[in-house]
N, C-alpha and C. Protein backbone atom coordinates (compact mmCIF):
# COMPACT_ATOMS: atom_id res chain seq x y z
N ALA A 1 1.03 -1.10 0.10
CA ALA A 1 0.03 0.30 0.40
C ALA A 1 1.25 1.41 -0.47
N GLY A 2 1.85 0.94 0.73
CA GLY A 2 2.95 2.41 0.50
C GLY A 2 3.47 2.45 -0.55
N ARG A 3 3.81 1.81 -1.13
CA ARG A 3 4.68 1.78 -2.18
C ARG A 3 3.21 2.05 -3.53
N ARG A 4 2.31 2.01 -3.10
CA ARG A 4 1.10 2.43 -4.64
C ARG A 4 1.12 3.71 -4.41
N ARG A 5 1.05 3.97 -2.62
CA ARG A 5 0.73 5.82 -2.31
C ARG A 5 1.91 6.49 -3.47
N ALA A 6 3.01 5.90 -3.07
CA ALA A 6 4.54 6.65 -3.20
C ALA A 6 4.26 6.76 -4.93
N ALA A 7 3.89 5.81 -5.61
CA ALA A 7 4.05 5.97 -6.92
C ALA A 7 2.93 6.34 -7.56
N ALA A 8 1.31 7.12 -6.58
CA ALA A 8 0.46 7.53 -7.30
C ALA A 8 0.87 8.90 -7.04
N ALA A 9 1.77 9.73 -5.58
CA ALA A 9 2.46 11.14 -5.51
C ALA A 9 3.52 10.86 -6.56
N ALA A 10 3.69 10.27 -6.70
CA ALA A 10 5.05 10.50 -7.86
C ALA A 10 4.80 10.91 -9.37
N LEU A 11 3.44 9.98 -10.07
CA LEU A 11 2.68 10.23 -10.89
C LEU A 11 2.42 11.61 -10.96
N ILE A 12 1.39 12.06 -9.87
CA ILE A 12 0.80 13.06 -9.75
C ILE A 12 1.53 14.39 -10.37
N CYS A 13 2.73 14.27 -9.32
CA CYS A 13 4.19 15.17 -9.56
C CYS A 13 4.56 15.05 -11.17
N ILE A 14 4.73 14.55 -11.13
CA ILE A 14 5.65 14.31 -13.25
C ILE A 14 3.99 14.92 -13.88
N ALA A 15 2.67 14.56 -13.63
CA ALA A 15 1.92 15.19 -14.18
C ALA A 15 1.60 16.82 -14.20
N VAL A 16 1.87 16.76 -12.58
CA VAL A 16 1.50 18.47 -12.81
C VAL A 16 2.65 18.84 -13.11
N ALA A 17 4.00 18.40 -13.35
CA ALA A 17 4.97 19.24 -13.82
C ALA A 17 5.25 19.20 -15.40
N LEU A 18 4.07 18.42 -16.26
CA LEU A 18 4.26 18.37 -17.21
C LEU A 18 3.12 19.30 -18.06
N VAL A 19 1.45 19.39 -17.05
CA VAL A 19 0.90 20.60 -17.44
C VAL A 19 1.48 22.24 -16.84
N LEU A 20 2.79 22.31 -16.80
CA LEU A 20 2.81 23.56 -15.67
C LEU A 20 4.46 23.71 -16.88
N GLY A 21 5.04 22.94 -17.45
CA GLY A 21 5.79 23.51 -18.54
C GLY A 21 4.71 23.54 -20.15
N VAL A 22 3.90 23.29 -20.40
CA VAL A 22 3.03 23.67 -21.16
C VAL A 22 2.89 24.68 -20.86
N VAL A 23 2.18 25.25 -20.08
CA VAL A 23 1.26 26.56 -19.62
C VAL A 23 3.14 27.12 -19.71
N ALA A 24 4.41 27.32 -18.93
CA ALA A 24 5.05 27.98 -19.46
C ALA A 24 5.86 28.05 -20.60
N ALA A 25 5.25 26.93 -21.89
CA ALA A 25 5.88 27.43 -23.11
C ALA A 25 4.91 28.32 -23.68
N PHE A 26 3.69 28.14 -23.43
CA PHE A 26 2.21 29.07 -23.70
C PHE A 26 2.98 30.58 -23.50
N ALA A 27 3.33 30.35 -22.15
CA ALA A 27 3.89 32.16 -21.55
C ALA A 27 5.06 32.72 -22.35
N TYR A 28 5.80 31.34 -22.87
CA TYR A 28 7.42 31.98 -23.41
C TYR A 28 6.80 32.89 -24.58
N ALA A 29 5.87 31.56 -25.73
CA ALA A 29 5.60 32.08 -27.17
C ALA A 29 4.51 33.15 -27.01
N PHE A 30 3.75 33.97 -25.97
CA PHE A 30 3.23 35.26 -26.09
C PHE A 30 3.79 36.12 -26.29
N ARG A 31 3.80 36.78 -28.22
CA ARG A 31 4.32 37.48 -28.13
C ARG A 31 5.73 37.77 -28.36
N GLY A 32 6.32 36.37 -28.47
CA GLY A 32 7.79 36.55 -29.03
C GLY A 32 8.15 35.38 -29.75
N ALA A 33 9.22 35.32 -30.28
CA ALA A 33 9.75 34.81 -31.77
C ALA A 33 9.97 33.23 -30.62
N TYR A 34 10.27 32.13 -31.25
CA TYR A 34 10.20 31.03 -30.59
C TYR A 34 10.45 29.80 -31.87
N THR A 35 11.32 28.78 -31.39
CA THR A 35 11.09 27.86 -32.46
C THR A 35 10.35 26.88 -31.92
N ARG A 36 9.91 25.55 -32.70
CA ARG A 36 8.97 24.16 -32.28
C ARG A 36 9.69 23.81 -31.13
N SER A 37 11.08 23.66 -31.36
CA SER A 37 11.97 22.66 -30.67
C SER A 37 12.48 23.20 -29.08
N PHE A 38 12.45 24.68 -29.19
CA PHE A 38 12.44 24.89 -27.99
C PHE A 38 11.30 24.80 -26.88
N LEU A 39 10.16 25.29 -27.74
CA LEU A 39 8.77 25.00 -26.80
C LEU A 39 8.55 23.74 -26.09
N SER A 40 8.75 22.66 -26.71
CA SER A 40 8.84 21.26 -26.81
C SER A 40 9.40 21.52 -25.43
N THR A 41 11.07 21.68 -25.51
CA THR A 41 12.02 21.38 -24.33
C THR A 41 11.31 21.80 -23.27
N LEU A 42 10.57 23.40 -23.43
CA LEU A 42 10.29 23.64 -22.52
C LEU A 42 8.99 23.06 -21.65
N VAL A 43 8.16 22.30 -22.29
CA VAL A 43 6.96 21.58 -21.74
C VAL A 43 7.87 19.92 -21.53
N LEU A 44 9.01 19.79 -21.66
CA LEU A 44 9.03 17.85 -21.01
C LEU A 44 10.66 18.65 -20.34
N LEU A 45 11.07 19.91 -19.85
CA LEU A 45 12.09 19.51 -18.91
C LEU A 45 11.19 19.64 -17.75
N PRO A 46 10.35 20.43 -16.99
CA PRO A 46 10.20 20.19 -15.69
C PRO A 46 9.74 18.72 -14.99
N PRO A 47 8.79 17.94 -16.33
CA PRO A 47 9.03 16.13 -15.51
C PRO A 47 10.25 16.07 -15.63
N ILE A 48 11.29 16.14 -16.46
CA ILE A 48 12.10 15.38 -16.63
C ILE A 48 13.04 15.43 -15.40
N VAL A 49 13.24 16.93 -14.95
CA VAL A 49 13.98 17.60 -13.84
C VAL A 49 13.24 16.90 -12.34
N ALA A 50 12.04 17.05 -12.46
CA ALA A 50 11.03 16.21 -11.58
C ALA A 50 11.51 14.63 -10.85
N MET A 51 11.30 13.52 -12.48
CA MET A 51 11.59 12.88 -11.94
C MET A 51 12.95 12.22 -11.33
N VAL A 52 14.37 13.11 -12.26
CA VAL A 52 15.40 13.43 -11.33
C VAL A 52 15.68 13.82 -10.14
N ILE A 53 14.84 14.61 -9.92
CA ILE A 53 14.96 14.87 -8.08
C ILE A 53 14.12 13.86 -7.48
N MET A 54 13.35 13.41 -7.88
CA MET A 54 12.99 12.20 -6.86
C MET A 54 13.79 10.88 -6.54
N MET A 55 14.28 10.68 -8.19
CA MET A 55 15.29 9.32 -7.91
C MET A 55 16.11 9.71 -7.05
N VAL A 56 17.11 10.76 -6.72
CA VAL A 56 17.98 11.42 -5.67
C VAL A 56 17.66 11.36 -4.82
N GLY A 57 16.43 11.44 -4.35
CA GLY A 57 16.02 11.52 -2.94
C GLY A 57 16.51 12.70 -2.14
N GLY A 58 17.24 12.01 -1.19
CA GLY A 58 17.96 12.82 0.04
C GLY A 58 19.78 12.80 -0.11
N ASN A 59 19.87 12.21 -1.08
CA ASN A 59 21.21 11.46 -1.49
C ASN A 59 22.14 12.59 -1.59
N LEU A 60 23.10 13.10 -0.92
CA LEU A 60 23.74 14.66 -0.87
C LEU A 60 24.93 14.38 -2.17
N GLY A 61 25.57 13.05 -2.51
CA GLY A 61 26.02 12.77 -3.33
C GLY A 61 25.84 12.53 -4.65
N THR A 62 24.25 11.90 -4.86
CA THR A 62 24.10 12.05 -6.05
C THR A 62 23.57 13.05 -6.58
N GLY A 63 23.14 14.22 -5.50
CA GLY A 63 22.62 15.42 -5.95
C GLY A 63 23.63 16.30 -6.43
N VAL A 64 25.04 16.24 -6.18
CA VAL A 64 26.23 16.80 -6.45
C VAL A 64 26.10 16.45 -8.02
N ALA A 65 26.10 15.10 -7.84
CA ALA A 65 26.67 15.03 -9.56
C ALA A 65 25.67 14.74 -10.48
N VAL A 66 24.56 14.91 -10.19
CA VAL A 66 23.14 15.84 -11.10
C VAL A 66 23.32 17.23 -10.91
N ALA A 67 23.87 18.08 -10.24
CA ALA A 67 24.14 19.22 -10.41
C ALA A 67 25.11 19.67 -11.73
N GLY A 68 26.09 18.06 -11.37
CA GLY A 68 27.19 18.35 -12.44
C GLY A 68 26.71 18.37 -14.21
N THR A 69 25.87 17.42 -13.94
CA THR A 69 25.52 16.55 -15.23
C THR A 69 24.76 18.23 -15.71
N PHE A 70 23.92 18.81 -14.85
CA PHE A 70 22.95 19.83 -15.53
C PHE A 70 24.53 20.96 -16.08
N SER A 71 25.17 21.13 -15.30
CA SER A 71 26.12 22.50 -15.61
C SER A 71 26.76 21.87 -17.17
N LEU A 72 27.32 20.39 -17.26
CA LEU A 72 27.40 20.07 -18.36
C LEU A 72 26.78 20.64 -19.92
N VAL A 73 25.46 20.03 -19.47
CA VAL A 73 24.69 20.06 -20.67
C VAL A 73 24.58 21.86 -21.23
N ARG A 74 24.76 22.79 -20.01
CA ARG A 74 24.56 24.13 -20.29
C ARG A 74 25.89 24.43 -21.20
N PHE A 75 26.90 24.12 -20.42
CA PHE A 75 27.69 24.30 -21.42
C PHE A 75 27.86 24.03 -22.86
N ARG A 76 27.75 22.92 -23.01
CA ARG A 76 27.74 22.00 -24.08
C ARG A 76 26.59 22.74 -25.72
N SER A 77 25.87 23.54 -24.76
CA SER A 77 24.97 23.96 -25.46
C SER A 77 25.10 25.23 -26.52
N VAL A 78 24.82 25.92 -27.06
CA VAL A 78 24.76 27.15 -27.98
C VAL A 78 24.02 28.33 -27.22
N PRO A 79 24.81 29.60 -26.49
CA PRO A 79 24.12 30.32 -25.70
C PRO A 79 22.84 30.73 -26.38
N GLY A 80 21.87 31.14 -25.43
CA GLY A 80 20.89 31.70 -25.85
C GLY A 80 20.46 32.79 -25.45
N THR A 81 19.38 33.62 -25.86
CA THR A 81 18.75 35.02 -25.45
C THR A 81 18.90 34.58 -24.30
N ALA A 82 18.65 36.27 -23.39
CA ALA A 82 18.59 36.44 -21.47
C ALA A 82 16.81 35.70 -21.73
N ARG A 83 15.94 35.75 -22.66
CA ARG A 83 14.85 35.80 -22.02
C ARG A 83 14.20 33.91 -22.11
N GLU A 84 14.93 33.20 -23.18
CA GLU A 84 15.30 31.62 -23.14
C GLU A 84 16.00 31.58 -22.20
N VAL A 85 17.20 31.73 -21.56
CA VAL A 85 17.50 31.36 -20.10
C VAL A 85 16.77 31.56 -19.13
N CYS A 86 15.94 32.67 -19.29
CA CYS A 86 14.75 32.96 -18.40
C CYS A 86 14.12 31.47 -17.96
N ALA A 87 13.43 31.22 -19.52
CA ALA A 87 12.68 30.57 -19.72
C ALA A 87 13.07 29.21 -19.04
N ILE A 88 14.42 28.81 -19.09
CA ILE A 88 14.70 27.61 -18.85
C ILE A 88 14.85 27.49 -17.57
N PHE A 89 15.27 28.27 -17.13
CA PHE A 89 14.98 28.41 -15.27
C PHE A 89 14.13 28.39 -14.82
N LEU A 90 13.23 28.80 -15.20
CA LEU A 90 11.63 28.86 -14.71
C LEU A 90 10.96 27.05 -14.51
N THR A 91 11.10 26.46 -15.97
CA THR A 91 10.82 25.42 -16.21
C THR A 91 11.80 24.63 -15.04
N VAL A 92 13.05 25.13 -15.04
CA VAL A 92 13.73 23.63 -14.01
C VAL A 92 13.18 24.35 -12.30
N ALA A 93 13.09 25.21 -11.87
CA ALA A 93 12.26 25.48 -10.39
C ALA A 93 10.94 24.79 -10.82
N ILE A 94 10.60 24.66 -11.41
CA ILE A 94 8.89 23.91 -11.49
C ILE A 94 8.97 22.74 -11.61
N GLY A 95 10.25 22.33 -12.37
CA GLY A 95 10.56 20.32 -11.83
C GLY A 95 10.98 20.18 -10.97
N LEU A 96 11.67 21.08 -10.22
CA LEU A 96 12.76 20.78 -8.76
C LEU A 96 11.62 20.77 -7.95
N ALA A 97 10.73 21.61 -7.92
CA ALA A 97 9.59 22.03 -6.66
C ALA A 97 8.34 20.93 -7.07
N CYS A 98 8.06 20.23 -8.17
CA CYS A 98 7.21 19.03 -8.23
C CYS A 98 8.27 17.90 -7.69
N GLY A 99 9.63 17.82 -7.95
CA GLY A 99 10.50 16.20 -7.81
C GLY A 99 10.51 16.52 -6.20
N MET A 100 10.37 17.70 -5.62
CA MET A 100 10.50 17.88 -4.04
C MET A 100 8.93 17.19 -3.46
N GLY A 101 8.33 16.96 -3.91
CA GLY A 101 7.25 16.73 -3.46
C GLY A 101 5.76 18.12 -3.49
N PHE A 102 6.44 19.65 -3.93
CA PHE A 102 5.60 20.50 -3.61
C PHE A 102 4.58 20.83 -5.11
N PRO A 103 3.69 19.87 -5.81
CA PRO A 103 3.22 20.33 -7.40
C PRO A 103 2.66 21.68 -6.75
N GLY A 104 1.71 21.94 -5.61
CA GLY A 104 1.21 23.11 -5.41
C GLY A 104 1.70 24.48 -5.72
N LEU A 105 2.77 24.21 -4.72
CA LEU A 105 4.21 25.39 -4.97
C LEU A 105 4.52 25.74 -5.86
N ALA A 106 4.55 24.90 -7.11
CA ALA A 106 5.28 24.61 -8.40
C ALA A 106 4.26 25.64 -9.24
N ALA A 107 2.73 25.03 -8.87
CA ALA A 107 1.61 25.68 -10.06
C ALA A 107 1.64 27.20 -9.17
N LEU A 108 1.86 27.68 -7.96
CA LEU A 108 1.54 28.76 -7.59
C LEU A 108 2.60 29.76 -8.49
N PHE A 109 4.28 29.48 -8.14
CA PHE A 109 5.24 29.91 -8.67
C PHE A 109 5.04 29.86 -10.28
N ALA A 110 4.73 28.98 -10.80
CA ALA A 110 4.29 29.09 -12.38
C ALA A 110 3.35 30.18 -13.00
N VAL A 111 2.31 29.85 -12.13
CA VAL A 111 1.56 30.54 -12.98
C VAL A 111 1.86 32.76 -12.20
N LEU A 112 2.47 32.71 -11.66
CA LEU A 112 2.87 33.94 -11.03
C LEU A 112 3.55 34.18 -11.95
N MET A 113 4.91 33.47 -12.21
CA MET A 113 5.89 33.64 -13.29
C MET A 113 5.58 33.85 -14.66
N CYS A 114 4.34 33.07 -14.88
CA CYS A 114 4.13 33.26 -16.59
C CYS A 114 3.20 34.17 -16.67
N ALA A 115 2.41 34.84 -15.60
CA ALA A 115 1.80 35.85 -15.33
C ALA A 115 2.75 37.25 -15.91
N ALA A 116 3.73 37.25 -15.53
CA ALA A 116 4.76 38.01 -15.42
C ALA A 116 5.60 38.29 -16.58
N PHE A 117 6.06 37.02 -17.19
CA PHE A 117 5.72 37.02 -18.40
C PHE A 117 5.48 37.69 -19.49
N ALA A 118 3.92 37.27 -19.52
CA ALA A 118 2.76 37.86 -20.50
C ALA A 118 2.68 39.40 -20.10
N VAL A 119 2.57 39.74 -18.76
CA VAL A 119 2.38 41.29 -18.82
C VAL A 119 4.03 41.80 -19.17
N LEU A 120 5.32 41.49 -19.07
CA LEU A 120 5.90 42.02 -19.66
C LEU A 120 5.98 42.40 -21.15
N SER A 121 6.00 41.12 -21.75
CA SER A 121 5.51 41.06 -22.81
C SER A 121 4.53 41.77 -23.98
N ALA A 122 3.76 41.84 -22.84
CA ALA A 122 2.15 43.02 -23.31
C ALA A 122 2.77 43.97 -23.54
N VAL A 123 3.35 44.80 -22.51
CA VAL A 123 3.18 46.38 -21.96
C VAL A 123 5.00 46.72 -23.02
N ASN A 124 5.50 45.86 -23.39
CA ASN A 124 7.15 45.99 -24.18
C ASN A 124 8.13 46.47 -23.26
N PHE A 125 7.69 45.77 -22.21
CA PHE A 125 8.51 46.21 -20.95
C PHE A 125 10.72 46.13 -21.75
N GLY A 126 10.98 47.51 -21.40
CA GLY A 126 12.71 47.09 -22.06
C GLY A 126 12.52 47.80 -23.90
N GLY A 127 11.26 47.82 -23.87
CA GLY A 127 11.36 48.02 -25.89
C GLY A 127 11.73 49.79 -25.89
N ARG A 128 11.86 49.57 -27.31
CA ARG A 128 12.55 51.25 -27.85
C ARG A 128 11.45 51.93 -28.10
N LYS A 129 11.43 53.15 -27.46
CA LYS A 129 10.29 54.17 -27.99
C LYS A 129 10.48 54.42 -29.25
N ASN A 130 9.61 55.24 -30.00
CA ASN A 130 9.44 55.43 -31.40
C ASN A 130 10.08 54.32 -32.12
N GLY A 131 10.07 53.27 -32.11
CA GLY A 131 9.75 52.53 -32.69
C GLY A 131 11.30 51.88 -33.26
N GLN A 132 12.33 52.28 -32.62
CA GLN A 132 13.49 52.12 -32.97
C GLN A 132 14.30 50.95 -32.95
N LEU A 133 14.87 50.65 -34.04
CA LEU A 133 15.60 48.95 -33.49
C LEU A 133 16.96 49.22 -33.70
N ARG A 134 17.33 48.38 -32.13
CA ARG A 134 18.91 48.42 -32.01
C ARG A 134 19.21 47.16 -31.91
N LYS A 135 20.65 46.97 -32.78
CA LYS A 135 21.05 45.81 -32.90
C LYS A 135 22.75 45.96 -32.82
N VAL A 136 23.21 44.46 -32.69
CA VAL A 136 24.64 44.58 -32.72
C VAL A 136 24.99 43.90 -33.81
N LEU A 137 26.09 43.92 -34.35
CA LEU A 137 26.52 43.57 -35.75
C LEU A 137 27.63 43.43 -35.38
N LYS A 138 28.11 42.37 -35.85
CA LYS A 138 29.93 41.96 -35.43
C LYS A 138 30.01 41.72 -37.42
N ILE A 139 31.57 41.70 -37.58
CA ILE A 139 31.99 41.63 -38.65
C ILE A 139 33.34 41.49 -38.53
N THR A 140 33.57 40.11 -38.98
CA THR A 140 35.24 40.41 -39.31
C THR A 140 35.71 40.47 -40.77
N VAL A 141 37.12 41.15 -40.54
CA VAL A 141 37.75 41.42 -41.53
C VAL A 141 39.28 41.31 -41.06
N PRO A 142 40.03 41.36 -42.47
CA PRO A 142 41.74 41.16 -42.59
C PRO A 142 41.95 41.98 -41.35
N GLU A 143 43.54 41.65 -40.96
CA GLU A 143 44.01 42.92 -39.81
C GLU A 143 44.36 44.13 -40.73
N ASP A 144 45.03 43.81 -41.77
CA ASP A 144 45.09 44.79 -42.74
C ASP A 144 44.16 45.95 -43.22
N LEU A 145 43.16 45.73 -42.82
CA LEU A 145 42.24 46.13 -43.68
C LEU A 145 42.06 47.72 -42.44
N ASP A 146 42.06 48.96 -43.26
CA ASP A 146 41.58 50.58 -42.12
C ASP A 146 39.83 50.21 -41.78
N TYR A 147 39.65 49.89 -40.85
CA TYR A 147 38.26 49.47 -40.15
C TYR A 147 37.85 50.79 -39.69
N PRO A 148 37.96 51.16 -39.01
CA PRO A 148 37.79 52.30 -38.41
C PRO A 148 36.96 53.15 -39.61
N THR A 149 37.13 53.69 -40.75
CA THR A 149 36.13 54.29 -41.48
C THR A 149 35.78 53.30 -42.73
N VAL A 150 36.10 52.46 -42.89
CA VAL A 150 35.86 51.53 -44.33
C VAL A 150 34.41 51.26 -44.68
N PHE A 151 33.27 51.37 -43.54
CA PHE A 151 32.05 51.00 -43.54
C PHE A 151 31.24 52.15 -42.89
N ASP A 152 31.77 53.22 -43.20
CA ASP A 152 30.82 54.64 -42.59
C ASP A 152 30.07 54.40 -43.72
N ASP A 153 30.23 54.77 -44.90
CA ASP A 153 28.70 55.10 -46.07
C ASP A 153 27.76 53.98 -45.79
N LEU A 154 28.06 52.61 -45.46
CA LEU A 154 26.78 51.69 -45.21
C LEU A 154 26.61 52.32 -43.96
N LEU A 155 26.82 51.99 -43.20
CA LEU A 155 26.35 52.40 -41.58
C LEU A 155 25.60 53.70 -41.51
N HIS A 156 26.10 54.83 -42.44
CA HIS A 156 25.39 56.15 -42.26
C HIS A 156 24.09 56.06 -43.48
N LYS A 157 24.13 54.88 -44.18
CA LYS A 157 23.28 54.97 -45.22
C LYS A 157 22.03 54.26 -44.50
N TYR A 158 22.20 53.19 -43.44
CA TYR A 158 21.24 52.37 -42.76
C TYR A 158 21.11 52.58 -41.68
N THR A 159 21.55 53.38 -40.85
CA THR A 159 21.22 53.71 -39.09
C THR A 159 21.34 55.04 -39.01
N THR A 160 21.09 55.11 -37.78
CA THR A 160 20.60 56.78 -37.75
C THR A 160 22.26 56.88 -36.14
N LYS A 161 22.34 55.50 -35.56
CA LYS A 161 23.63 55.92 -35.19
C LYS A 161 24.43 54.72 -34.92
N ALA A 162 25.87 54.68 -35.14
CA ALA A 162 26.47 53.32 -35.48
C ALA A 162 27.89 53.68 -34.39
N GLU A 163 28.03 52.87 -33.32
CA GLU A 163 28.64 52.96 -32.44
C GLU A 163 29.85 51.59 -32.61
N LEU A 164 31.24 52.02 -32.74
CA LEU A 164 32.22 50.63 -32.49
C LEU A 164 32.76 50.59 -31.32
N THR A 165 32.12 49.53 -30.86
CA THR A 165 32.21 49.06 -29.48
C THR A 165 32.96 48.40 -29.07
N ASP A 166 33.87 47.57 -29.89
CA ASP A 166 35.02 46.37 -29.33
C ASP A 166 35.18 46.05 -30.99
N VAL A 167 36.77 45.82 -30.82
CA VAL A 167 37.59 45.10 -31.45
C VAL A 167 38.52 43.74 -30.72
N LYS A 168 38.18 42.97 -31.72
CA LYS A 168 38.96 41.75 -31.28
C LYS A 168 40.22 41.18 -31.99
N THR A 169 40.87 40.49 -31.90
CA THR A 169 41.50 39.88 -32.82
C THR A 169 41.00 38.50 -32.92
N THR A 170 41.12 37.65 -34.05
CA THR A 170 40.59 36.01 -34.02
C THR A 170 41.94 35.59 -34.95
N ASN A 171 41.45 33.91 -35.18
CA ASN A 171 42.56 33.20 -35.76
C ASN A 171 43.75 33.68 -35.94
N LEU A 172 44.65 33.57 -34.99
CA LEU A 172 45.92 33.88 -34.32
C LEU A 172 46.21 35.10 -34.86
N GLY A 173 44.97 36.03 -34.65
CA GLY A 173 45.59 37.83 -34.79
C GLY A 173 45.56 37.83 -36.53
N SER A 174 45.45 36.83 -37.33
CA SER A 174 45.27 37.70 -38.79
C SER A 174 43.87 38.42 -38.84
N LEU A 175 42.96 37.91 -38.39
CA LEU A 175 41.53 38.49 -38.85
C LEU A 175 41.15 39.94 -37.68
N ASN A 176 40.41 40.75 -37.37
CA ASN A 176 39.86 41.90 -36.40
C ASN A 176 38.10 41.51 -36.17
N ARG A 177 37.54 41.08 -35.06
CA ARG A 177 36.40 41.05 -35.27
C ARG A 177 35.85 42.27 -34.64
N LEU A 178 35.05 42.91 -35.63
CA LEU A 178 34.18 44.79 -34.80
C LEU A 178 33.21 44.39 -34.50
N THR A 179 33.09 45.07 -33.50
CA THR A 179 31.28 44.69 -33.06
C THR A 179 30.93 45.89 -32.67
N TYR A 180 29.74 46.34 -33.66
CA TYR A 180 29.17 47.87 -33.65
C TYR A 180 27.55 48.12 -32.82
N ASP A 181 27.13 48.77 -32.02
CA ASP A 181 26.29 49.33 -31.93
C ASP A 181 25.19 49.96 -32.83
N LEU A 182 23.89 49.07 -33.52
CA LEU A 182 23.73 50.34 -33.80
C LEU A 182 22.09 50.37 -33.90
N THR A 183 21.86 51.66 -34.07
CA THR A 183 19.86 52.16 -34.01
C THR A 183 19.67 51.98 -35.50
N LEU A 184 18.96 50.95 -35.68
CA LEU A 184 18.62 51.49 -37.20
C LEU A 184 17.57 52.40 -37.70
N ARG A 185 17.21 52.81 -39.41
CA ARG A 185 16.73 53.57 -39.62
C ARG A 185 15.29 52.90 -40.10
N LYS A 186 14.16 53.36 -40.03
CA LYS A 186 12.61 53.06 -40.02
C LYS A 186 12.96 52.96 -41.47
N ALA A 187 11.83 51.83 -41.81
CA ALA A 187 11.84 51.73 -43.28
C ALA A 187 11.45 53.31 -43.62
N GLY A 188 11.80 53.22 -44.97
CA GLY A 188 11.60 54.60 -45.84
C GLY A 188 11.88 55.72 -45.77
N THR A 189 13.01 56.05 -44.73
CA THR A 189 13.24 56.86 -44.28
C THR A 189 14.92 57.54 -44.05
């Protein structure tokens, strides 16, 4: 009877984690760019984390090993945007709460954070006024190119502001990587 209760509780926690993963994926997708694979990841990550945490139980050594595994996964993946990283942390936190046996707390947390995601997206929090579009442009050029002025005509034509913010050497010093902070012109201006 005890095993059945534990199994039922585990299944409930995993189901709640899966449902909350769907909620988090919808909140992330609201008024934002996304890929199908990333949304699938947001849906599946909470139940996976919950299962791992349930299997770890209270074993400190196993917990450290799992944390090491999670860090390896992070460093082997392509860096994402701040919004993507936040969504991943949200789904991991949901999975942790469910895995620790707190599906109600996980649900409350998920609803609050997803509502915050939606509100921040809806009000364009941190967005540019007057529709100005800022971008970062990285250009790699040969080391012997006179880079401070070579792109001035193009930058003046397509931007209202262009600032060279960083120059780094690459390819054993044979190339320079230029980083510009740009404010693009509106179409038709």
